[in-house]
Amino acid sequence: MRQSPCKSADDPLAALDRVGPHDIGGRHLIRTGEAAPSWQAVTTAFRQADRQPFSRMSVEGVGPICRLVSEGEGLAVVNRMMAADYAEGLDLALRVFVPETWETFALVQNVAAIQGLTIEDVHSVLGPIIDVPPGLHR
């Protein structure tokens, strides 16, 4: 799942299709925990661009992070699918963060369920909203 900077819709970065470390520059990034894989992916992208992310605030959860962005506290790189639930109601713009990163998802199901989900079920739901990188199969 690609991660997306989450920012106010009137921000100049909203005019871009893709946003990377050079576009963000020294602007404040609201982050998840330091050890979170999503923040590690962001720091790796900045390091590869020979930049240093500026962050003075750590918040857990995409919802609270998006609320802080909507209140003008900074930008964030979060899970796009989760941020989409908040974007319209909080006047946020979502843009692809480059380089693109992938998240790992766990499929959780009640053990008492009679019929389980198949991989085809998962792809029918997620397939239209994610891009599969070359070399990976659906």
Protein backbone atom coordinates (compact mmCIF):
# COMPACT_ATOMS: atom_id res chain seq x y z
CA MET A 1 0.00 0.00 0.00
CA ARG A 2 1.46 3.31 -0.97
CA GLN A 3 1.81 5.92 1.71
CA SER A 4 0.60 9.44 1.14
CA PRO A 5 1.39 12.81 2.59
CA CYS A 6 -1.73 14.06 4.25
CA LYS A 7 -2.05 17.84 4.11
CA SER A 8 -4.59 20.62 3.96
CA ALA A 9 -6.24 20.91 0.55
CA ASP A 10 -5.15 24.57 0.21
CA ASP A 11 -1.45 23.70 0.73
CA PRO A 12 0.78 24.36 -2.34
CA LEU A 13 1.88 20.71 -2.24
CA ALA A 14 -1.71 19.75 -3.13
CA ALA A 15 -0.96 20.94 -6.68
CA LEU A 16 1.57 18.11 -7.09
CA ASP A 17 0.68 14.53 -8.08
CA ARG A 18 3.60 13.04 -6.15
CA VAL A 19 5.49 14.46 -3.19
CA GLY A 20 8.93 13.46 -2.00
CA PRO A 21 11.54 14.54 0.53
CA HIS A 22 12.79 17.41 -1.68
CA ASP A 23 9.24 18.79 -1.99
CA ILE A 24 8.63 18.58 1.74
CA GLY A 25 11.97 20.15 2.60
CA GLY A 26 12.20 21.34 6.19
CA ARG A 27 8.46 21.38 6.84
CA HIS A 28 7.18 19.71 10.00
CA LEU A 29 6.17 16.05 9.66
CA ILE A 30 3.86 14.54 12.24
CA ARG A 31 5.15 11.01 12.72
CA THR A 32 4.11 7.73 14.17
CA GLY A 33 6.44 6.15 16.73
CA GLU A 34 10.16 6.18 15.95
CA ALA A 35 10.24 2.39 15.57
CA ALA A 36 7.07 2.17 13.44
CA PRO A 37 7.73 0.66 9.98
CA SER A 38 5.89 3.56 8.33
CA TRP A 39 8.19 6.15 9.96
CA GLN A 40 11.25 4.02 9.15
CA ALA A 41 10.19 4.07 5.48
CA VAL A 42 9.93 7.87 5.60
CA THR A 43 13.35 8.27 7.20
CA THR A 44 14.84 5.90 4.62
CA ALA A 45 13.35 7.97 1.79
CA PHE A 46 14.76 11.17 3.28
CA ARG A 47 18.17 9.56 3.82
CA GLN A 48 18.24 8.36 0.19
CA ALA A 49 17.46 11.94 -0.89
CA ASP A 50 20.28 13.20 1.36
CA ARG A 51 17.75 15.08 3.50
CA GLN A 52 16.75 14.98 7.16
CA PRO A 53 13.04 14.88 8.11
CA PHE A 54 11.97 17.51 10.62
CA SER A 55 9.57 16.16 13.23
CA ARG A 56 8.86 17.31 16.76
CA MET A 57 5.58 15.43 17.30
CA SER A 58 4.77 11.72 17.49
CA VAL A 59 1.14 10.55 17.39
CA GLU A 60 -0.32 7.07 17.12
CA GLY A 61 -3.20 6.50 14.73
CA VAL A 62 -4.03 7.84 11.29
CA GLY A 63 -7.21 9.57 12.51
CA PRO A 64 -5.51 11.75 15.14
CA ILE A 65 -2.63 12.47 12.75
CA CYS A 66 -5.04 13.63 10.02
CA ARG A 67 -6.89 15.82 12.52
CA LEU A 68 -3.61 17.53 13.49
CA VAL A 69 -2.77 18.09 9.82
CA SER A 70 -6.20 19.64 9.27
CA GLU A 71 -5.50 21.99 12.18
CA GLY A 72 -2.30 23.17 10.51
CA GLU A 73 0.22 21.34 12.72
CA GLY A 74 2.23 19.92 9.80
CA LEU A 75 2.26 17.20 7.16
CA ALA A 76 2.16 13.44 7.59
CA VAL A 77 2.99 10.33 5.61
CA VAL A 78 0.34 7.76 6.43
CA ASN A 79 -1.48 4.77 4.98
CA ARG A 80 -3.48 6.12 2.03
CA MET A 81 -6.39 3.74 2.43
CA MET A 82 -6.84 4.69 6.08
CA ALA A 83 -6.37 8.43 5.45
CA ALA A 84 -9.04 8.38 2.73
CA ASP A 85 -11.67 7.87 5.44
CA TYR A 86 -10.72 11.25 6.94
CA ALA A 87 -9.66 13.30 3.91
CA GLU A 88 -12.97 14.75 2.75
CA GLY A 89 -14.39 15.54 6.17
CA LEU A 90 -11.18 17.28 7.25
CA ASP A 91 -10.47 19.11 3.95
CA LEU A 92 -7.26 17.16 3.32
CA ALA A 93 -5.50 16.39 0.08
CA LEU A 94 -3.77 13.03 -0.38
CA ARG A 95 -0.80 12.70 -2.68
CA VAL A 96 1.48 9.76 -3.41
CA PHE A 97 4.68 9.87 -1.39
CA VAL A 98 7.77 8.94 -3.39
CA PRO A 99 9.56 6.70 -3.29
CA GLU A 100 6.51 4.51 -2.83
CA THR A 101 6.51 2.11 0.09
CA TRP A 102 4.47 -0.97 0.92
CA GLU A 103 2.72 -1.87 4.13
CA THR A 104 2.07 -5.32 5.50
CA PHE A 105 -1.51 -6.17 6.30
CA ALA A 106 -2.89 -8.93 8.50
CA LEU A 107 -6.21 -10.49 7.64
CA VAL A 108 -8.15 -11.13 10.84
CA GLN A 109 -11.15 -13.44 10.93
CA ASN A 110 -13.34 -15.01 13.59
CA VAL A 111 -12.24 -18.64 14.05
CA ALA A 112 -15.87 -19.71 14.29
CA ALA A 113 -16.63 -18.45 10.77
CA ILE A 114 -17.99 -21.22 8.56
CA GLN A 115 -16.39 -20.00 5.35
CA GLY A 116 -13.10 -18.12 5.23
CA LEU A 117 -12.00 -15.43 2.85
CA THR A 118 -9.96 -16.54 -0.12
CA ILE A 119 -7.10 -14.60 -1.66
CA GLU A 120 -9.43 -13.91 -4.59
CA ASP A 121 -11.85 -12.23 -2.14
CA VAL A 122 -9.05 -10.02 -0.83
CA HIS A 123 -7.92 -9.07 -4.36
CA SER A 124 -11.46 -8.27 -5.47
CA VAL A 125 -11.73 -5.73 -2.65
CA LEU A 126 -8.18 -4.33 -2.61
CA GLY A 127 -7.23 -4.83 -6.26
CA PRO A 128 -8.95 -1.72 -7.62
CA ILE A 129 -7.30 0.58 -5.06
CA ILE A 130 -3.71 -0.69 -4.98
CA ASP A 131 -0.98 -1.11 -7.55
CA VAL A 132 1.02 -4.31 -7.44
CA PRO A 133 4.75 -3.73 -8.02
CA PRO A 134 6.49 -5.58 -10.86
CA GLY A 135 7.43 -9.12 -9.90
CA LEU A 136 4.58 -9.59 -7.42
CA HIS A 137 1.49 -11.46 -8.46
CA ARG A 138 -2.08 -11.01 -7.40
